[in-house]
Full PDB file with SEQRES, HELIX, SHEET, SSBOND, CRYST1, ORIGX, SCALE, CONECT and MASTER records, all heavy atoms in Angstrom:
SEQRES   1 A   37  GLY MET VAL GLY LEU PHE GLU VAL LYS ASN PRO SER PRO          
SEQRES   2 A   37  PRO LYS ILE GLU ARG PRO SER GLU GLY CYS ASN LEU GLY          
SEQRES   3 A   37  GLU ILE CYS MET VAL PHE TYR CYS SER ASP LEU                  
CRYST1    1.000    1.000    1.000  90.00  90.00  90.00 P 1           1          
ORIGX1      1.000000  0.000000  0.000000        0.00000                         
ORIGX2      0.000000  1.000000  0.000000        0.00000                         
ORIGX3      0.000000  0.000000  1.000000        0.00000                         
SCALE1      1.000000  0.000000  0.000000        0.00000                         
SCALE2      0.000000  1.000000  0.000000        0.00000                         
SCALE3      0.000000  0.000000  1.000000        0.00000                         
ATOM      1  N   GLY A   1     -19.760-188.742 137.233  1.00  0.00           N  
ATOM      2  CA  GLY A   1     -19.477-188.608 138.652  1.00  0.00           C  
ATOM      3  C   GLY A   1     -18.120-187.986 138.931  1.00  0.00           C  
ATOM      4  O   GLY A   1     -17.529-188.221 139.971  1.00  0.00           O  
ATOM      5  N   MET A   2     -17.638-187.180 138.002  1.00  0.00           N  
ATOM      6  CA  MET A   2     -16.325-186.562 138.158  1.00  0.00           C  
ATOM      7  C   MET A   2     -16.432-185.300 139.016  1.00  0.00           C  
ATOM      8  O   MET A   2     -17.523-184.795 139.271  1.00  0.00           O  
ATOM      9  CB  MET A   2     -15.748-186.214 136.783  1.00  0.00           C  
ATOM     10  CG  MET A   2     -15.556-187.423 135.891  1.00  0.00           C  
ATOM     11  SD  MET A   2     -14.870-187.009 134.254  1.00  0.00           S  
ATOM     12  CE  MET A   2     -16.251-186.163 133.493  1.00  0.00           C  
ATOM     13  N   VAL A   3     -15.281-184.797 139.459  1.00  0.00           N  
ATOM     14  CA  VAL A   3     -15.213-183.538 140.195  1.00  0.00           C  
ATOM     15  C   VAL A   3     -14.323-182.594 139.402  1.00  0.00           C  
ATOM     16  O   VAL A   3     -13.152-182.889 139.157  1.00  0.00           O  
ATOM     17  CB  VAL A   3     -14.660-183.748 141.622  1.00  0.00           C  
ATOM     18  CG1 VAL A   3     -14.466-182.414 142.323  1.00  0.00           C  
ATOM     19  CG2 VAL A   3     -15.592-184.644 142.432  1.00  0.00           C  
ATOM     20  N   GLY A   4     -14.893-181.471 138.993  1.00  0.00           N  
ATOM     21  CA  GLY A   4     -14.145-180.444 138.263  1.00  0.00           C  
ATOM     22  C   GLY A   4     -13.718-179.357 139.226  1.00  0.00           C  
ATOM     23  O   GLY A   4     -14.545-178.811 139.966  1.00  0.00           O  
ATOM     24  N   LEU A   5     -12.439-179.052 139.246  1.00  0.00           N  
ATOM     25  CA  LEU A   5     -11.885-178.010 140.113  1.00  0.00           C  
ATOM     26  C   LEU A   5     -11.546-176.802 139.239  1.00  0.00           C  
ATOM     27  O   LEU A   5     -10.801-176.930 138.261  1.00  0.00           O  
ATOM     28  CB  LEU A   5     -10.636-178.529 140.823  1.00  0.00           C  
ATOM     29  CG  LEU A   5     -10.812-179.848 141.580  1.00  0.00           C  
ATOM     30  CD1 LEU A   5      -9.463-180.354 142.078  1.00  0.00           C  
ATOM     31  CD2 LEU A   5     -11.799-179.687 142.725  1.00  0.00           C  
ATOM     32  N   PHE A   6     -12.072-175.638 139.601  1.00  0.00           N  
ATOM     33  CA  PHE A   6     -11.880-174.419 138.822  1.00  0.00           C  
ATOM     34  C   PHE A   6     -11.297-173.339 139.725  1.00  0.00           C  
ATOM     35  O   PHE A   6     -11.948-172.893 140.662  1.00  0.00           O  
ATOM     36  CB  PHE A   6     -13.213-173.937 138.238  1.00  0.00           C  
ATOM     37  CG  PHE A   6     -13.791-174.874 137.218  1.00  0.00           C  
ATOM     38  CD1 PHE A   6     -14.442-176.035 137.602  1.00  0.00           C  
ATOM     39  CD2 PHE A   6     -13.675-174.590 135.874  1.00  0.00           C  
ATOM     40  CE1 PHE A   6     -14.969-176.910 136.669  1.00  0.00           C  
ATOM     41  CE2 PHE A   6     -14.199-175.450 134.921  1.00  0.00           C  
ATOM     42  CZ  PHE A   6     -14.848-176.619 135.320  1.00  0.00           C  
ATOM     43  N   GLU A   7     -10.054-172.939 139.444  1.00  0.00           N  
ATOM     44  CA  GLU A   7      -9.407-171.869 140.199  1.00  0.00           C  
ATOM     45  C   GLU A   7      -9.460-170.613 139.339  1.00  0.00           C  
ATOM     46  O   GLU A   7      -8.841-170.558 138.277  1.00  0.00           O  
ATOM     47  CB  GLU A   7      -7.959-172.238 140.510  1.00  0.00           C  
ATOM     48  CG  GLU A   7      -7.226-171.156 141.287  1.00  0.00           C  
ATOM     49  CD  GLU A   7      -5.738-171.447 141.357  1.00  0.00           C  
ATOM     50  OE1 GLU A   7      -5.042-171.167 140.363  1.00  0.00           O  
ATOM     51  OE2 GLU A   7      -5.296-171.959 142.391  1.00  0.00           O  
ATOM     52  N   VAL A   8     -10.208-169.615 139.790  1.00  0.00           N  
ATOM     53  CA  VAL A   8     -10.404-168.381 139.034  1.00  0.00           C  
ATOM     54  C   VAL A   8      -9.655-167.248 139.735  1.00  0.00           C  
ATOM     55  O   VAL A   8      -9.809-167.044 140.936  1.00  0.00           O  
ATOM     56  CB  VAL A   8     -11.912-168.040 138.919  1.00  0.00           C  
ATOM     57  CG1 VAL A   8     -12.115-166.752 138.135  1.00  0.00           C  
ATOM     58  CG2 VAL A   8     -12.666-169.195 138.268  1.00  0.00           C  
ATOM     59  N   LYS A   9      -8.863-166.514 138.965  1.00  0.00           N  
ATOM     60  CA  LYS A   9      -8.073-165.389 139.513  1.00  0.00           C  
ATOM     61  C   LYS A   9      -8.216-164.166 138.608  1.00  0.00           C  
ATOM     62  O   LYS A   9      -8.527-164.287 137.436  1.00  0.00           O  
ATOM     63  CB  LYS A   9      -6.580-165.765 139.587  1.00  0.00           C  
ATOM     64  CG  LYS A   9      -6.269-166.990 140.419  1.00  0.00           C  
ATOM     65  CD  LYS A   9      -6.257-166.672 141.876  1.00  0.00           C  
ATOM     66  CE  LYS A   9      -5.806-167.899 142.658  1.00  0.00           C  
ATOM     67  NZ  LYS A   9      -5.862-167.744 144.049  1.00  0.00           N  
ATOM     68  N   ASN A  10      -7.919-163.035 139.178  1.00  0.00           N  
ATOM     69  CA  ASN A  10      -7.848-161.742 138.458  1.00  0.00           C  
ATOM     70  C   ASN A  10      -9.155-161.324 137.806  1.00  0.00           C  
ATOM     71  O   ASN A  10      -9.185-161.134 136.604  1.00  0.00           O  
ATOM     72  CB  ASN A  10      -6.721-161.782 137.421  1.00  0.00           C  
ATOM     73  CG  ASN A  10      -5.389-162.103 138.047  1.00  0.00           C  
ATOM     74  OD1 ASN A  10      -5.063-161.624 139.116  1.00  0.00           O  
ATOM     75  ND2 ASN A  10      -4.637-162.954 137.391  1.00  0.00           N  
ATOM     76  N   PRO A  11     -10.229-161.171 138.539  1.00  0.00           N  
ATOM     77  CA  PRO A  11     -10.377-161.276 139.989  1.00  0.00           C  
ATOM     78  C   PRO A  11     -10.814-162.676 140.411  1.00  0.00           C  
ATOM     79  O   PRO A  11     -11.341-163.433 139.621  1.00  0.00           O  
ATOM     80  CB  PRO A  11     -11.489-160.274 140.296  1.00  0.00           C  
ATOM     81  CG  PRO A  11     -12.381-160.342 139.099  1.00  0.00           C  
ATOM     82  CD  PRO A  11     -11.436-160.560 137.934  1.00  0.00           C  
ATOM     83  N   SER A  12     -10.619-162.955 141.704  1.00  0.00           N  
ATOM     84  CA  SER A  12     -11.110-164.203 142.295  1.00  0.00           C  
ATOM     85  C   SER A  12     -12.562-163.993 142.721  1.00  0.00           C  
ATOM     86  O   SER A  12     -12.933-162.899 143.127  1.00  0.00           O  
ATOM     87  CB  SER A  12     -10.295-164.578 143.528  1.00  0.00           C  
ATOM     88  OG  SER A  12      -8.968-164.865 143.169  1.00  0.00           O  
ATOM     89  N   PRO A  13     -13.379-165.031 142.637  1.00  0.00           N  
ATOM     90  CA  PRO A  13     -14.760-164.884 143.120  1.00  0.00           C  
ATOM     91  C   PRO A  13     -14.773-164.757 144.644  1.00  0.00           C  
ATOM     92  O   PRO A  13     -13.852-165.215 145.312  1.00  0.00           O  
ATOM     93  CB  PRO A  13     -15.444-166.173 142.668  1.00  0.00           C  
ATOM     94  CG  PRO A  13     -14.360-167.146 142.413  1.00  0.00           C  
ATOM     95  CD  PRO A  13     -13.126-166.365 142.091  1.00  0.00           C  
ATOM     96  N   PRO A  14     -15.824-164.151 145.193  1.00  0.00           N  
ATOM     97  CA  PRO A  14     -15.912-164.037 146.659  1.00  0.00           C  
ATOM     98  C   PRO A  14     -16.191-165.400 147.291  1.00  0.00           C  
ATOM     99  O   PRO A  14     -16.783-166.276 146.668  1.00  0.00           O  
ATOM    100  CB  PRO A  14     -17.097-163.086 146.874  1.00  0.00           C  
ATOM    101  CG  PRO A  14     -17.934-163.237 145.651  1.00  0.00           C  
ATOM    102  CD  PRO A  14     -16.969-163.544 144.523  1.00  0.00           C  
ATOM    103  N   LYS A  15     -15.734-165.546 148.512  1.00  0.00           N  
ATOM    104  CA  LYS A  15     -15.972-166.793 149.252  1.00  0.00           C  
ATOM    105  C   LYS A  15     -17.360-166.742 149.885  1.00  0.00           C  
ATOM    106  O   LYS A  15     -17.773-165.704 150.401  1.00  0.00           O  
ATOM    107  CB  LYS A  15     -14.908-166.961 150.339  1.00  0.00           C  
ATOM    108  CG  LYS A  15     -15.049-168.251 151.087  1.00  0.00           C  
ATOM    109  CD  LYS A  15     -13.935-168.476 152.079  1.00  0.00           C  
ATOM    110  CE  LYS A  15     -14.253-169.783 152.752  1.00  0.00           C  
ATOM    111  NZ  LYS A  15     -13.311-170.350 153.548  1.00  0.00           N  
ATOM    112  N   ILE A  16     -18.073-167.851 149.838  1.00  0.00           N  
ATOM    113  CA  ILE A  16     -19.375-167.947 150.489  1.00  0.00           C  
ATOM    114  C   ILE A  16     -19.145-168.042 151.987  1.00  0.00           C  
ATOM    115  O   ILE A  16     -18.363-168.872 152.448  1.00  0.00           O  
ATOM    116  CB  ILE A  16     -20.146-169.195 150.011  1.00  0.00           C  
ATOM    117  CG1 ILE A  16     -20.478-169.088 148.524  1.00  0.00           C  
ATOM    118  CG2 ILE A  16     -21.415-169.393 150.832  1.00  0.00           C  
ATOM    119  CD1 ILE A  16     -21.093-170.354 147.954  1.00  0.00           C  
ATOM    120  N   GLU A  17     -19.797-167.188 152.739  1.00  0.00           N  
ATOM    121  CA  GLU A  17     -19.702-167.241 154.193  1.00  0.00           C  
ATOM    122  C   GLU A  17     -20.851-168.093 154.704  1.00  0.00           C  
ATOM    123  O   GLU A  17     -22.018-167.808 154.457  1.00  0.00           O  
ATOM    124  CB  GLU A  17     -19.769-165.833 154.792  1.00  0.00           C  
ATOM    125  CG  GLU A  17     -18.600-164.952 154.396  1.00  0.00           C  
ATOM    126  CD  GLU A  17     -17.242-165.484 154.852  1.00  0.00           C  
ATOM    127  OE1 GLU A  17     -17.172-166.114 155.928  1.00  0.00           O  
ATOM    128  OE2 GLU A  17     -16.266-165.266 154.126  1.00  0.00           O  
ATOM    129  N   ARG A  18     -20.518-169.191 155.375  1.00  0.00           N  
ATOM    130  CA  ARG A  18     -21.527-170.096 155.896  1.00  0.00           C  
ATOM    131  C   ARG A  18     -20.946-170.844 157.083  1.00  0.00           C  
ATOM    132  O   ARG A  18     -19.729-170.989 157.201  1.00  0.00           O  
ATOM    133  CB  ARG A  18     -21.969-171.081 154.821  1.00  0.00           C  
ATOM    134  CG  ARG A  18     -20.816-171.955 154.365  1.00  0.00           C  
ATOM    135  CD  ARG A  18     -21.252-172.990 153.357  1.00  0.00           C  
ATOM    136  NE  ARG A  18     -20.090-173.673 152.875  1.00  0.00           N  
ATOM    137  CZ  ARG A  18     -19.666-173.672 151.629  1.00  0.00           C  
ATOM    138  NH1 ARG A  18     -20.328-173.023 150.717  1.00  0.00           N  
ATOM    139  NH2 ARG A  18     -18.592-174.320 151.289  1.00  0.00           N  
ATOM    140  N   PRO A  19     -21.803-171.368 157.931  1.00  0.00           N  
ATOM    141  CA  PRO A  19     -21.289-172.181 159.032  1.00  0.00           C  
ATOM    142  C   PRO A  19     -20.630-173.440 158.479  1.00  0.00           C  
ATOM    143  O   PRO A  19     -21.075-173.984 157.471  1.00  0.00           O  
ATOM    144  CB  PRO A  19     -22.539-172.547 159.834  1.00  0.00           C  
ATOM    145  CG  PRO A  19     -23.668-171.754 159.279  1.00  0.00           C  
ATOM    146  CD  PRO A  19     -23.241-171.223 157.953  1.00  0.00           C  
ATOM    147  N   SER A  20     -19.566-173.904 159.114  1.00  0.00           N  
ATOM    148  CA  SER A  20     -18.880-175.107 158.629  1.00  0.00           C  
ATOM    149  C   SER A  20     -19.592-176.379 159.058  1.00  0.00           C  
ATOM    150  O   SER A  20     -19.357-177.430 158.506  1.00  0.00           O  
ATOM    151  CB  SER A  20     -17.433-175.129 159.112  1.00  0.00           C  
ATOM    152  OG  SER A  20     -17.395-175.190 160.523  1.00  0.00           O  
ATOM    153  N   GLU A  21     -20.448-176.289 160.037  1.00  0.00           N  
ATOM    154  CA  GLU A  21     -21.213-177.456 160.470  1.00  0.00           C  
ATOM    155  C   GLU A  21     -22.664-177.269 160.067  1.00  0.00           C  
ATOM    156  O   GLU A  21     -23.104-176.168 159.777  1.00  0.00           O  
ATOM    157  CB  GLU A  21     -21.081-177.627 161.980  1.00  0.00           C  
ATOM    158  CG  GLU A  21     -19.648-177.930 162.391  1.00  0.00           C  
ATOM    159  CD  GLU A  21     -19.507-178.132 163.883  1.00  0.00           C  
ATOM    160  OE1 GLU A  21     -20.524-178.235 164.572  1.00  0.00           O  
ATOM    161  OE2 GLU A  21     -18.364-178.176 164.340  1.00  0.00           O  
ATOM    162  N   GLY A  22     -23.405-178.355 160.050  1.00  0.00           N  
ATOM    163  CA  GLY A  22     -24.811-178.269 159.691  1.00  0.00           C  
ATOM    164  C   GLY A  22     -25.000-178.170 158.189  1.00  0.00           C  
ATOM    165  O   GLY A  22     -24.146-178.560 157.406  1.00  0.00           O  
ATOM    166  N   CYS A  23     -26.158-177.650 157.803  1.00  0.00           N  
ATOM    167  CA  CYS A  23     -26.447-177.504 156.384  1.00  0.00           C  
ATOM    168  C   CYS A  23     -26.919-176.082 156.100  1.00  0.00           C  
ATOM    169  O   CYS A  23     -27.265-175.342 157.010  1.00  0.00           O  
ATOM    170  CB  CYS A  23     -27.484-178.534 155.928  1.00  0.00           C  
ATOM    171  SG  CYS A  23     -29.095-178.362 156.700  1.00  0.00           S  
ATOM    172  N   ASN A  24     -26.885-175.719 154.835  1.00  0.00           N  
ATOM    173  CA  ASN A  24     -27.246-174.374 154.417  1.00  0.00           C  
ATOM    174  C   ASN A  24     -28.200-174.459 153.229  1.00  0.00           C  
ATOM    175  O   ASN A  24     -28.010-175.305 152.344  1.00  0.00           O  
ATOM    176  CB  ASN A  24     -25.975-173.614 153.990  1.00  0.00           C  
ATOM    177  CG  ASN A  24     -24.957-173.561 155.111  1.00  0.00           C  
ATOM    178  OD1 ASN A  24     -25.068-172.781 156.026  1.00  0.00           O  
ATOM    179  ND2 ASN A  24     -23.958-174.431 155.038  1.00  0.00           N  
ATOM    180  N   LEU A  25     -29.201-173.607 153.206  1.00  0.00           N  
ATOM    181  CA  LEU A  25     -30.123-173.578 152.076  1.00  0.00           C  
ATOM    182  C   LEU A  25     -29.359-173.360 150.778  1.00  0.00           C  
ATOM    183  O   LEU A  25     -28.446-172.540 150.711  1.00  0.00           O  
ATOM    184  CB  LEU A  25     -31.162-172.467 152.254  1.00  0.00           C  
ATOM    185  CG  LEU A  25     -32.216-172.704 153.324  1.00  0.00           C  
ATOM    186  CD1 LEU A  25     -33.114-171.491 153.446  1.00  0.00           C  
ATOM    187  CD2 LEU A  25     -33.035-173.947 153.023  1.00  0.00           C  
ATOM    188  N   GLY A  26     -29.717-174.112 149.761  1.00  0.00           N  
ATOM    189  CA  GLY A  26     -29.083-173.974 148.453  1.00  0.00           C  
ATOM    190  C   GLY A  26     -27.762-174.707 148.315  1.00  0.00           C  
ATOM    191  O   GLY A  26     -27.182-174.743 147.243  1.00  0.00           O  
ATOM    192  N   GLU A  27     -27.298-175.310 149.390  1.00  0.00           N  
ATOM    193  CA  GLU A  27     -26.015-176.009 149.364  1.00  0.00           C  
ATOM    194  C   GLU A  27     -26.168-177.390 148.743  1.00  0.00           C  
ATOM    195  O   GLU A  27     -27.144-178.090 148.986  1.00  0.00           O  
ATOM    196  CB  GLU A  27     -25.495-176.140 150.790  1.00  0.00           C  
ATOM    197  CG  GLU A  27     -24.196-176.888 150.906  1.00  0.00           C  
ATOM    198  CD  GLU A  27     -23.676-176.884 152.334  1.00  0.00           C  
ATOM    199  OE1 GLU A  27     -24.471-177.060 153.276  1.00  0.00           O  
ATOM    200  OE2 GLU A  27     -22.477-176.697 152.491  1.00  0.00           O  
ATOM    201  N   ILE A  28     -25.193-177.784 147.957  1.00  0.00           N  
ATOM    202  CA  ILE A  28     -25.159-179.113 147.367  1.00  0.00           C  
ATOM    203  C   ILE A  28     -24.145-179.951 148.135  1.00  0.00           C  
ATOM    204  O   ILE A  28     -23.081-179.462 148.518  1.00  0.00           O  
ATOM    205  CB  ILE A  28     -24.780-179.046 145.875  1.00  0.00           C  
ATOM    206  CG1 ILE A  28     -25.918-178.381 145.101  1.00  0.00           C  
ATOM    207  CG2 ILE A  28     -24.470-180.417 145.322  1.00  0.00           C  
ATOM    208  CD1 ILE A  28     -25.631-178.165 143.650  1.00  0.00           C  
ATOM    209  N   CYS A  29     -24.466-181.210 148.322  1.00  0.00           N  
ATOM    210  CA  CYS A  29     -23.567-182.145 148.975  1.00  0.00           C  
ATOM    211  C   CYS A  29     -23.229-183.240 147.967  1.00  0.00           C  
ATOM    212  O   CYS A  29     -24.131-183.862 147.409  1.00  0.00           O  
ATOM    213  CB  CYS A  29     -24.251-182.734 150.207  1.00  0.00           C  
ATOM    214  SG  CYS A  29     -23.264-183.960 151.073  1.00  0.00           S  
ATOM    215  N   MET A  30     -21.954-183.449 147.707  1.00  0.00           N  
ATOM    216  CA  MET A  30     -21.535-184.535 146.816  1.00  0.00           C  
ATOM    217  C   MET A  30     -21.574-185.835 147.607  1.00  0.00           C  
ATOM    218  O   MET A  30     -21.081-185.885 148.734  1.00  0.00           O  
ATOM    219  CB  MET A  30     -20.134-184.280 146.282  1.00  0.00           C  
ATOM    220  CG  MET A  30     -20.040-183.054 145.392  1.00  0.00           C  
ATOM    221  SD  MET A  30     -18.376-182.804 144.776  1.00  0.00           S  
ATOM    222  CE  MET A  30     -17.545-182.237 146.265  1.00  0.00           C  
ATOM    223  N   VAL A  31     -22.147-186.884 147.029  1.00  0.00           N  
ATOM    224  CA  VAL A  31     -22.302-188.162 147.716  1.00  0.00           C  
ATOM    225  C   VAL A  31     -21.566-189.236 146.921  1.00  0.00           C  
ATOM    226  O   VAL A  31     -21.769-189.368 145.715  1.00  0.00           O  
ATOM    227  CB  VAL A  31     -23.790-188.536 147.871  1.00  0.00           C  
ATOM    228  CG1 VAL A  31     -23.936-189.854 148.614  1.00  0.00           C  
ATOM    229  CG2 VAL A  31     -24.557-187.420 148.577  1.00  0.00           C  
ATOM    230  N   PHE A  32     -20.709-189.977 147.612  1.00  0.00           N  
ATOM    231  CA  PHE A  32     -19.935-191.050 146.994  1.00  0.00           C  
ATOM    232  C   PHE A  32     -20.065-192.303 147.851  1.00  0.00           C  
ATOM    233  O   PHE A  32     -20.162-192.224 149.070  1.00  0.00           O  
ATOM    234  CB  PHE A  32     -18.441-190.708 146.932  1.00  0.00           C  
ATOM    235  CG  PHE A  32     -18.092-189.501 146.135  1.00  0.00           C  
ATOM    236  CD1 PHE A  32     -17.981-188.254 146.738  1.00  0.00           C  
ATOM    237  CD2 PHE A  32     -17.845-189.596 144.776  1.00  0.00           C  
ATOM    238  CE1 PHE A  32     -17.633-187.134 146.013  1.00  0.00           C  
ATOM    239  CE2 PHE A  32     -17.498-188.480 144.032  1.00  0.00           C  
ATOM    240  CZ  PHE A  32     -17.393-187.242 144.652  1.00  0.00           C  
ATOM    241  N   TYR A  33     -19.993-193.480 147.216  1.00  0.00           N  
ATOM    242  CA  TYR A  33     -19.767-194.716 147.955  1.00  0.00           C  
ATOM    243  C   TYR A  33     -18.279-194.804 148.231  1.00  0.00           C  
ATOM    244  O   TYR A  33     -17.450-194.293 147.476  1.00  0.00           O  
ATOM    245  CB  TYR A  33     -20.220-195.937 147.149  1.00  0.00           C  
ATOM    246  CG  TYR A  33     -21.703-196.159 147.172  1.00  0.00           C  
ATOM    247  CD1 TYR A  33     -22.471-195.958 146.043  1.00  0.00           C  
ATOM    248  CD2 TYR A  33     -22.332-196.590 148.343  1.00  0.00           C  
ATOM    249  CE1 TYR A  33     -23.839-196.169 146.061  1.00  0.00           C  
ATOM    250  CE2 TYR A  33     -23.700-196.800 148.370  1.00  0.00           C  
ATOM    251  CZ  TYR A  33     -24.450-196.584 147.228  1.00  0.00           C  
ATOM    252  OH  TYR A  33     -25.797-196.791 147.259  1.00  0.00           O  
ATOM    253  N   CYS A  34     -17.926-195.475 149.322  1.00  0.00           N  
ATOM    254  CA  CYS A  34     -16.531-195.544 149.759  1.00  0.00           C  
ATOM    255  C   CYS A  34     -16.290-196.906 150.404  1.00  0.00           C  
ATOM    256  O   CYS A  34     -17.158-197.426 151.105  1.00  0.00           O  
ATOM    257  CB  CYS A  34     -16.288-194.421 150.755  1.00  0.00           C  
ATOM    258  SG  CYS A  34     -14.665-194.397 151.486  1.00  0.00           S  
ATOM    259  N   SER A  35     -15.096-197.465 150.200  1.00  0.00           N  
ATOM    260  CA  SER A  35     -14.805-198.780 150.770  1.00  0.00           C  
ATOM    261  C   SER A  35     -14.334-198.733 152.219  1.00  0.00           C  
ATOM    262  O   SER A  35     -14.460-199.716 152.938  1.00  0.00           O  
ATOM    263  CB  SER A  35     -13.761-199.499 149.913  1.00  0.00           C  
ATOM    264  OG  SER A  35     -12.551-198.768 149.909  1.00  0.00           O  
ATOM    265  N   ASP A  36     -13.795-197.586 152.695  1.00  0.00           N  
ATOM    266  CA  ASP A  36     -13.222-197.562 154.044  1.00  0.00           C  
ATOM    267  C   ASP A  36     -13.267-196.139 154.612  1.00  0.00           C  
ATOM    268  O   ASP A  36     -12.388-195.325 154.340  1.00  0.00           O  
ATOM    269  CB  ASP A  36     -11.784-198.080 154.000  1.00  0.00           C  
ATOM    270  CG  ASP A  36     -11.179-198.268 155.376  1.00  0.00           C  
ATOM    271  OD1 ASP A  36     -11.728-197.762 156.378  1.00  0.00           O  
ATOM    272  OD2 ASP A  36     -10.121-198.923 155.450  1.00  0.00           O  
ATOM    273  N   LEU A  37     -14.281-195.846 155.407  1.00  0.00           N  
ATOM    274  CA  LEU A  37     -14.429-194.506 155.987  1.00  0.00           C  
ATOM    275  C   LEU A  37     -13.316-194.177 156.974  1.00  0.00           C  
ATOM    276  O   LEU A  37     -12.888-193.026 157.072  1.00  0.00           O  
ATOM    277  CB  LEU A  37     -15.788-194.372 156.675  1.00  0.00           C  
ATOM    278  CG  LEU A  37     -17.016-194.536 155.789  1.00  0.00           C  
ATOM    279  CD1 LEU A  37     -18.283-194.336 156.603  1.00  0.00           C  
ATOM    280  CD2 LEU A  37     -16.977-193.586 154.607  1.00  0.00           C  
TER     281      LEU A  37                                                      
MASTER        0    0    0    0    0    0    0    6  280    1    0    3          
END                                                                             
């Protein structure tokens, strides 16, 4: 259940253009339990 952060440069990958609200086909959502929202 870890989160791996990968910063790639020279060249950087393109940013996915998507709406910030709602959902998008093919999008993954990470789900965690939390003690205090």
